[in-house]
Amino acid sequence: MEEEEILWKDRKHHMWFPFSFTKYSVSKSSLYVQQGFFKTSYDETLLYRIMDIRLSRTLLQKFFGTGTVELFTRVDTQHVIQLKNIKHSKDVRRLLSNLVEQVRNEKNVVGKEFYGIMGGHHAGDDCPGDDGAVDMDGDGIPDAFE
């Protein structure tokens, strides 16, 4: 299997120093997060599943030239992905925003495809009227019974 070209990579920084066991990378279609030393986890998120992006920078992060990019996703395992204390955080936010739009356009994905009948929340969230019955294909039969 051919590996995708990595467009950006960095690791979590402590002050100016990248001494961390958390690594981030972005390809044309996916975001990768590798965490841990003794036990390492590898997470991949498809870019078209990212709904919103937020950049936050504390006073210390501004001083050290870092920031945190938060990605709000429609991934069941992790609704918010944080790229903590990364360098050039403004540029990374802009890159991710452009890549997400590009991938969505290529795959003809629009926002409504993420929401379905449940009005935009995940099954199991405490929302009024949520009985857990999801009917994504609209045939009137909950998908769990098909």
N, C-alpha and C. Protein backbone atom coordinates (compact mmCIF):
# COMPACT_ATOMS: atom_id res chain seq x y z
N MET A 1 0.83 -1.18 0.00
CA MET A 1 0.00 0.00 0.00
C MET A 1 0.88 1.25 0.00
N GLU A 2 0.54 2.19 -0.85
CA GLU A 2 1.33 3.41 -0.99
C GLU A 2 1.03 4.39 0.14
N GLU A 3 2.08 4.94 0.74
CA GLU A 3 1.90 5.90 1.82
C GLU A 3 1.59 7.28 1.25
N GLU A 4 0.72 8.01 1.94
CA GLU A 4 0.37 9.35 1.52
C GLU A 4 1.49 10.33 1.86
N GLU A 5 1.59 11.37 1.06
CA GLU A 5 2.56 12.42 1.33
C GLU A 5 2.11 13.22 2.55
N ILE A 6 3.02 13.43 3.47
CA ILE A 6 2.73 14.21 4.68
C ILE A 6 2.92 15.69 4.35
N LEU A 7 1.86 16.48 4.51
CA LEU A 7 1.89 17.91 4.19
C LEU A 7 2.36 18.76 5.37
N TRP A 8 2.15 18.26 6.59
CA TRP A 8 2.55 18.98 7.80
C TRP A 8 2.77 17.97 8.91
N LYS A 9 3.76 18.22 9.75
CA LYS A 9 3.95 17.39 10.93
C LYS A 9 4.60 18.23 12.02
N ASP A 10 4.31 17.88 13.24
CA ASP A 10 4.86 18.58 14.40
C ASP A 10 4.62 17.68 15.60
N ARG A 11 5.07 18.13 16.73
CA ARG A 11 4.79 17.43 17.98
C ARG A 11 4.42 18.45 19.02
N LYS A 12 3.80 17.99 20.08
CA LYS A 12 3.41 18.85 21.18
C LYS A 12 4.68 19.44 21.80
N HIS A 13 4.66 20.76 22.03
CA HIS A 13 5.81 21.45 22.59
C HIS A 13 5.58 21.81 24.06
N HIS A 14 6.65 21.83 24.81
CA HIS A 14 6.66 22.37 26.17
C HIS A 14 7.59 23.57 26.11
N MET A 15 7.01 24.73 26.24
CA MET A 15 7.71 25.99 25.98
C MET A 15 8.22 25.95 24.54
N TRP A 16 9.49 26.13 24.30
CA TRP A 16 10.01 26.07 22.93
C TRP A 16 10.43 24.65 22.54
N PHE A 17 10.43 23.76 23.48
CA PHE A 17 11.05 22.46 23.28
C PHE A 17 10.04 21.39 22.87
N PRO A 18 10.34 20.67 21.79
CA PRO A 18 9.43 19.63 21.33
C PRO A 18 9.69 18.28 22.02
N PHE A 19 9.86 18.32 23.35
CA PHE A 19 10.11 17.09 24.09
C PHE A 19 8.78 16.51 24.51
N SER A 20 8.23 15.69 23.66
CA SER A 20 6.91 15.13 23.92
C SER A 20 6.77 13.83 23.15
N PHE A 21 5.89 12.99 23.63
CA PHE A 21 5.61 11.74 22.94
C PHE A 21 4.27 11.81 22.22
N THR A 22 3.87 13.03 21.85
CA THR A 22 2.67 13.24 21.05
C THR A 22 3.09 13.86 19.73
N LYS A 23 2.79 13.15 18.63
CA LYS A 23 3.16 13.62 17.30
C LYS A 23 1.90 13.79 16.47
N TYR A 24 1.88 14.84 15.66
CA TYR A 24 0.76 15.12 14.78
C TYR A 24 1.27 15.17 13.35
N SER A 25 0.44 14.71 12.40
CA SER A 25 0.76 14.87 10.99
C SER A 25 -0.53 14.92 10.18
N VAL A 26 -0.43 15.56 9.01
CA VAL A 26 -1.58 15.73 8.13
C VAL A 26 -1.17 15.36 6.72
N SER A 27 -2.00 14.55 6.08
CA SER A 27 -1.84 14.24 4.67
C SER A 27 -2.97 14.93 3.91
N LYS A 28 -3.10 14.66 2.65
CA LYS A 28 -4.14 15.29 1.84
C LYS A 28 -5.54 14.88 2.29
N SER A 29 -5.67 13.71 2.93
CA SER A 29 -7.01 13.23 3.28
C SER A 29 -7.20 12.87 4.75
N SER A 30 -6.13 12.85 5.55
CA SER A 30 -6.26 12.38 6.93
C SER A 30 -5.39 13.16 7.90
N LEU A 31 -5.82 13.13 9.16
CA LEU A 31 -5.05 13.67 10.28
C LEU A 31 -4.61 12.48 11.12
N TYR A 32 -3.34 12.45 11.51
CA TYR A 32 -2.80 11.36 12.30
C TYR A 32 -2.29 11.90 13.63
N VAL A 33 -2.62 11.21 14.71
CA VAL A 33 -2.13 11.56 16.04
C VAL A 33 -1.52 10.31 16.65
N GLN A 34 -0.26 10.42 17.05
CA GLN A 34 0.45 9.32 17.71
C GLN A 34 0.79 9.79 19.12
N GLN A 35 0.37 9.01 20.12
CA GLN A 35 0.59 9.40 21.51
C GLN A 35 1.19 8.25 22.30
N GLY A 36 2.09 8.59 23.23
CA GLY A 36 2.58 7.61 24.17
C GLY A 36 3.99 7.15 23.91
N PHE A 37 4.59 6.61 24.97
CA PHE A 37 5.94 6.05 24.89
C PHE A 37 5.90 4.56 25.21
N PHE A 38 5.45 4.20 26.40
CA PHE A 38 5.36 2.79 26.77
C PHE A 38 4.20 2.11 26.06
N LYS A 39 3.08 2.78 26.01
CA LYS A 39 1.93 2.30 25.25
C LYS A 39 1.60 3.38 24.23
N THR A 40 1.73 3.06 22.96
CA THR A 40 1.54 4.05 21.91
C THR A 40 0.21 3.81 21.22
N SER A 41 -0.55 4.89 21.04
CA SER A 41 -1.80 4.79 20.28
C SER A 41 -1.67 5.62 19.01
N TYR A 42 -2.28 5.12 17.95
CA TYR A 42 -2.27 5.78 16.66
C TYR A 42 -3.71 6.04 16.25
N ASP A 43 -4.07 7.30 16.06
CA ASP A 43 -5.42 7.66 15.64
C ASP A 43 -5.36 8.31 14.27
N GLU A 44 -6.30 7.92 13.42
CA GLU A 44 -6.44 8.53 12.10
C GLU A 44 -7.86 9.07 11.99
N THR A 45 -7.97 10.31 11.56
CA THR A 45 -9.27 10.93 11.33
C THR A 45 -9.31 11.42 9.89
N LEU A 46 -10.34 11.01 9.16
CA LEU A 46 -10.51 11.49 7.80
C LEU A 46 -10.91 12.96 7.84
N LEU A 47 -10.27 13.77 7.02
CA LEU A 47 -10.47 15.21 7.08
C LEU A 47 -11.91 15.64 6.82
N TYR A 48 -12.63 14.91 5.96
CA TYR A 48 -13.99 15.34 5.66
C TYR A 48 -14.92 15.19 6.86
N ARG A 49 -14.48 14.48 7.91
CA ARG A 49 -15.30 14.32 9.12
C ARG A 49 -15.10 15.45 10.12
N ILE A 50 -14.23 16.39 9.81
CA ILE A 50 -14.02 17.55 10.67
C ILE A 50 -15.08 18.60 10.34
N MET A 51 -15.83 19.01 11.36
CA MET A 51 -16.92 19.96 11.16
C MET A 51 -16.47 21.41 11.39
N ASP A 52 -15.76 21.66 12.47
CA ASP A 52 -15.35 23.02 12.83
C ASP A 52 -13.92 23.00 13.35
N ILE A 53 -13.27 24.15 13.22
CA ILE A 53 -11.88 24.29 13.67
C ILE A 53 -11.78 25.56 14.51
N ARG A 54 -11.11 25.45 15.66
CA ARG A 54 -10.92 26.63 16.51
C ARG A 54 -9.44 26.70 16.91
N LEU A 55 -8.92 27.92 16.89
CA LEU A 55 -7.55 28.18 17.33
C LEU A 55 -7.62 28.95 18.64
N SER A 56 -6.90 28.49 19.64
CA SER A 56 -6.82 29.24 20.90
C SER A 56 -5.35 29.38 21.28
N ARG A 57 -5.03 30.55 21.85
CA ARG A 57 -3.65 30.83 22.25
C ARG A 57 -3.68 31.57 23.57
N THR A 58 -3.14 30.96 24.60
CA THR A 58 -3.01 31.63 25.89
C THR A 58 -1.86 32.63 25.81
N LEU A 59 -1.74 33.43 26.84
CA LEU A 59 -0.64 34.40 26.88
C LEU A 59 0.72 33.70 26.81
N LEU A 60 0.87 32.59 27.56
CA LEU A 60 2.13 31.84 27.51
C LEU A 60 2.37 31.24 26.14
N GLN A 61 1.31 30.72 25.50
CA GLN A 61 1.47 30.16 24.17
C GLN A 61 1.91 31.25 23.18
N LYS A 62 1.35 32.43 23.30
CA LYS A 62 1.78 33.54 22.44
C LYS A 62 3.25 33.86 22.67
N PHE A 63 3.65 33.88 23.93
CA PHE A 63 5.04 34.17 24.28
C PHE A 63 5.99 33.14 23.68
N PHE A 64 5.59 31.85 23.72
CA PHE A 64 6.45 30.79 23.22
C PHE A 64 6.21 30.45 21.75
N GLY A 65 5.29 31.17 21.09
CA GLY A 65 5.07 30.97 19.66
C GLY A 65 4.31 29.70 19.33
N THR A 66 3.44 29.26 20.23
CA THR A 66 2.65 28.06 19.98
C THR A 66 1.17 28.39 20.12
N GLY A 67 0.33 27.40 19.88
CA GLY A 67 -1.11 27.53 20.04
C GLY A 67 -1.74 26.16 20.02
N THR A 68 -3.04 26.12 20.30
CA THR A 68 -3.78 24.86 20.29
C THR A 68 -4.89 24.95 19.25
N VAL A 69 -4.91 24.00 18.32
CA VAL A 69 -5.96 23.93 17.31
C VAL A 69 -6.92 22.83 17.75
N GLU A 70 -8.20 23.20 17.90
CA GLU A 70 -9.22 22.23 18.28
C GLU A 70 -10.05 21.89 17.06
N LEU A 71 -10.24 20.60 16.83
CA LEU A 71 -11.01 20.10 15.69
C LEU A 71 -12.26 19.42 16.23
N PHE A 72 -13.41 19.91 15.83
CA PHE A 72 -14.69 19.33 16.24
C PHE A 72 -15.14 18.40 15.14
N THR A 73 -15.28 17.12 15.46
CA THR A 73 -15.49 16.09 14.45
C THR A 73 -16.80 15.36 14.63
N ARG A 74 -17.14 14.57 13.62
CA ARG A 74 -18.27 13.64 13.69
C ARG A 74 -17.72 12.22 13.79
N VAL A 75 -16.70 12.06 14.60
CA VAL A 75 -16.10 10.75 14.85
C VAL A 75 -16.59 10.26 16.19
N ASP A 76 -17.11 9.04 16.25
CA ASP A 76 -17.70 8.53 17.49
C ASP A 76 -16.67 8.33 18.60
N THR A 77 -15.44 8.05 18.25
CA THR A 77 -14.44 7.77 19.29
C THR A 77 -13.91 9.02 19.95
N GLN A 78 -13.91 10.14 19.24
CA GLN A 78 -13.35 11.37 19.79
C GLN A 78 -14.00 12.57 19.10
N HIS A 79 -14.87 13.27 19.83
CA HIS A 79 -15.61 14.39 19.25
C HIS A 79 -14.75 15.63 19.09
N VAL A 80 -13.76 15.82 19.95
CA VAL A 80 -12.86 16.97 19.87
C VAL A 80 -11.43 16.46 19.87
N ILE A 81 -10.68 16.87 18.87
CA ILE A 81 -9.27 16.52 18.78
C ILE A 81 -8.48 17.80 18.99
N GLN A 82 -7.55 17.77 19.91
CA GLN A 82 -6.73 18.95 20.19
C GLN A 82 -5.30 18.72 19.73
N LEU A 83 -4.83 19.63 18.91
CA LEU A 83 -3.42 19.66 18.53
C LEU A 83 -2.79 20.69 19.46
N LYS A 84 -2.26 20.21 20.58
CA LYS A 84 -1.83 21.09 21.67
C LYS A 84 -0.42 21.63 21.47
N ASN A 85 -0.26 22.90 21.78
CA ASN A 85 1.05 23.56 21.81
C ASN A 85 1.87 23.32 20.55
N ILE A 86 1.27 23.57 19.39
CA ILE A 86 2.00 23.38 18.14
C ILE A 86 2.53 24.73 17.64
N LYS A 87 3.66 24.66 16.93
CA LYS A 87 4.25 25.86 16.34
C LYS A 87 3.43 26.26 15.11
N HIS A 88 3.44 27.55 14.78
CA HIS A 88 2.76 28.08 13.59
C HIS A 88 1.28 27.68 13.58
N SER A 89 0.64 27.80 14.72
CA SER A 89 -0.74 27.32 14.87
C SER A 89 -1.72 28.03 13.93
N LYS A 90 -1.50 29.30 13.64
CA LYS A 90 -2.39 30.02 12.70
C LYS A 90 -2.30 29.41 11.31
N ASP A 91 -1.09 29.11 10.87
CA ASP A 91 -0.90 28.51 9.55
C ASP A 91 -1.48 27.10 9.49
N VAL A 92 -1.34 26.35 10.57
CA VAL A 92 -1.88 24.99 10.62
C VAL A 92 -3.41 25.02 10.55
N ARG A 93 -4.02 25.96 11.28
CA ARG A 93 -5.48 26.09 11.24
C ARG A 93 -5.94 26.40 9.82
N ARG A 94 -5.25 27.31 9.16
CA ARG A 94 -5.60 27.68 7.79
C ARG A 94 -5.40 26.49 6.84
N LEU A 95 -4.30 25.77 6.98
CA LEU A 95 -4.04 24.59 6.15
C LEU A 95 -5.14 23.55 6.32
N LEU A 96 -5.48 23.25 7.58
CA LEU A 96 -6.52 22.25 7.83
C LEU A 96 -7.87 22.69 7.27
N SER A 97 -8.20 23.95 7.44
CA SER A 97 -9.47 24.46 6.93
C SER A 97 -9.54 24.30 5.41
N ASN A 98 -8.47 24.65 4.72
CA ASN A 98 -8.43 24.51 3.26
C ASN A 98 -8.49 23.05 2.83
N LEU A 99 -7.75 22.18 3.51
CA LEU A 99 -7.77 20.76 3.16
C LEU A 99 -9.13 20.13 3.40
N VAL A 100 -9.78 20.49 4.51
CA VAL A 100 -11.11 19.94 4.80
C VAL A 100 -12.08 20.33 3.69
N GLU A 101 -12.09 21.59 3.29
CA GLU A 101 -12.99 22.04 2.22
C GLU A 101 -12.67 21.34 0.91
N GLN A 102 -11.39 21.18 0.61
CA GLN A 102 -10.98 20.52 -0.63
C GLN A 102 -11.45 19.07 -0.66
N VAL A 103 -11.25 18.34 0.43
CA VAL A 103 -11.65 16.93 0.48
C VAL A 103 -13.17 16.81 0.41
N ARG A 104 -13.89 17.68 1.10
CA ARG A 104 -15.36 17.65 1.04
C ARG A 104 -15.85 17.88 -0.38
N ASN A 105 -15.25 18.83 -1.08
CA ASN A 105 -15.64 19.10 -2.47
C ASN A 105 -15.34 17.90 -3.37
N GLU A 106 -14.17 17.28 -3.19
CA GLU A 106 -13.81 16.12 -4.00
C GLU A 106 -14.75 14.94 -3.77
N LYS A 107 -15.20 14.77 -2.53
CA LYS A 107 -16.07 13.64 -2.19
C LYS A 107 -17.55 14.00 -2.22
N ASN A 108 -17.86 15.23 -2.62
CA ASN A 108 -19.24 15.72 -2.64
C ASN A 108 -19.93 15.53 -1.30
N VAL A 109 -19.23 15.86 -0.23
CA VAL A 109 -19.78 15.76 1.12
C VAL A 109 -20.26 17.14 1.53
N VAL A 110 -21.51 17.19 2.00
CA VAL A 110 -22.05 18.45 2.52
C VAL A 110 -22.43 18.24 3.97
N GLY A 111 -22.60 19.33 4.71
CA GLY A 111 -22.86 19.26 6.15
C GLY A 111 -24.03 18.41 6.54
N LYS A 112 -25.11 18.41 5.75
CA LYS A 112 -26.31 17.67 6.14
C LYS A 112 -26.07 16.17 6.20
N GLU A 113 -25.06 15.66 5.51
CA GLU A 113 -24.78 14.23 5.53
C GLU A 113 -24.29 13.77 6.88
N PHE A 114 -23.88 14.70 7.74
CA PHE A 114 -23.40 14.35 9.07
C PHE A 114 -24.52 14.32 10.09
N TYR A 115 -25.68 14.89 9.77
CA TYR A 115 -26.69 15.08 10.79
C TYR A 115 -27.79 14.04 10.78
N GLY A 116 -28.32 13.68 9.64
CA GLY A 116 -29.35 12.65 9.58
C GLY A 116 -30.60 13.05 10.33
N ILE A 117 -31.36 12.09 10.73
CA ILE A 117 -32.65 12.28 11.38
C ILE A 117 -32.52 12.84 12.78
N MET A 118 -31.39 12.62 13.44
CA MET A 118 -31.26 12.97 14.85
C MET A 118 -30.95 14.44 15.08
N GLY A 119 -30.92 15.24 14.04
CA GLY A 119 -30.75 16.67 14.22
C GLY A 119 -29.36 17.10 14.64
N GLY A 120 -28.34 16.31 14.35
CA GLY A 120 -26.99 16.76 14.56
C GLY A 120 -26.34 16.34 15.85
N HIS A 121 -26.90 15.42 16.60
CA HIS A 121 -26.21 14.97 17.80
C HIS A 121 -25.93 13.48 17.70
N HIS A 122 -25.06 13.01 18.54
CA HIS A 122 -24.65 11.61 18.52
C HIS A 122 -25.65 10.76 19.28
N ALA A 123 -25.80 9.52 18.87
CA ALA A 123 -26.62 8.58 19.61
C ALA A 123 -26.04 8.43 21.00
N GLY A 124 -26.89 8.44 21.98
CA GLY A 124 -26.42 8.30 23.35
C GLY A 124 -26.24 9.62 24.06
N ASP A 125 -26.21 10.76 23.32
CA ASP A 125 -26.16 12.06 23.98
C ASP A 125 -27.47 12.28 24.70
N ASP A 126 -27.46 13.04 25.77
CA ASP A 126 -28.68 13.34 26.51
C ASP A 126 -29.43 14.46 25.82
N CYS A 127 -30.23 14.11 24.83
CA CYS A 127 -30.99 15.10 24.09
C CYS A 127 -32.47 14.74 24.17
N PRO A 128 -33.34 15.74 24.31
CA PRO A 128 -34.77 15.46 24.38
C PRO A 128 -35.25 14.72 23.15
N GLY A 129 -36.08 13.73 23.35
CA GLY A 129 -36.66 12.98 22.24
C GLY A 129 -35.73 11.96 21.62
N ASP A 130 -34.57 11.78 22.18
CA ASP A 130 -33.62 10.81 21.63
C ASP A 130 -33.87 9.46 22.27
N ASP A 131 -34.51 8.60 21.51
CA ASP A 131 -34.76 7.26 22.04
C ASP A 131 -33.73 6.27 21.52
N GLY A 132 -32.71 6.76 20.81
CA GLY A 132 -31.64 5.91 20.31
C GLY A 132 -31.94 5.29 18.96
N ALA A 133 -33.16 5.53 18.40
CA ALA A 133 -33.53 4.96 17.11
C ALA A 133 -33.03 5.87 16.00
N VAL A 134 -32.11 5.38 15.22
CA VAL A 134 -31.53 6.16 14.13
C VAL A 134 -32.01 5.56 12.82
N ASP A 135 -32.51 6.42 11.93
CA ASP A 135 -32.98 5.99 10.62
C ASP A 135 -32.28 6.84 9.57
N MET A 136 -31.02 6.48 9.26
CA MET A 136 -30.21 7.29 8.35
C MET A 136 -30.69 7.21 6.90
N ASP A 137 -31.30 6.08 6.48
CA ASP A 137 -31.73 5.97 5.09
C ASP A 137 -33.14 6.48 4.87
N GLY A 138 -33.86 6.86 5.93
CA GLY A 138 -35.17 7.49 5.81
C GLY A 138 -36.30 6.58 5.41
N ASP A 139 -36.16 5.26 5.61
CA ASP A 139 -37.24 4.35 5.22
C ASP A 139 -38.25 4.10 6.34
N GLY A 140 -38.08 4.78 7.48
CA GLY A 140 -39.03 4.64 8.58
C GLY A 140 -38.72 3.51 9.53
N ILE A 141 -37.71 2.71 9.23
CA ILE A 141 -37.32 1.59 10.09
C ILE A 141 -35.97 1.94 10.71
N PRO A 142 -35.87 1.93 12.05
CA PRO A 142 -34.58 2.21 12.67
C PRO A 142 -33.50 1.28 12.13
N ASP A 143 -32.34 1.84 11.87
CA ASP A 143 -31.25 1.07 11.27
C ASP A 143 -30.84 -0.14 12.09
N ALA A 144 -31.04 -0.09 13.40
CA ALA A 144 -30.69 -1.23 14.26
C ALA A 144 -31.53 -2.45 13.95
N PHE A 145 -32.74 -2.26 13.36
CA PHE A 145 -33.64 -3.37 13.08
C PHE A 145 -33.55 -3.85 11.64
N GLU A 146 -32.72 -3.23 10.83
CA GLU A 146 -32.62 -3.63 9.42
C GLU A 146 -31.57 -4.69 9.24
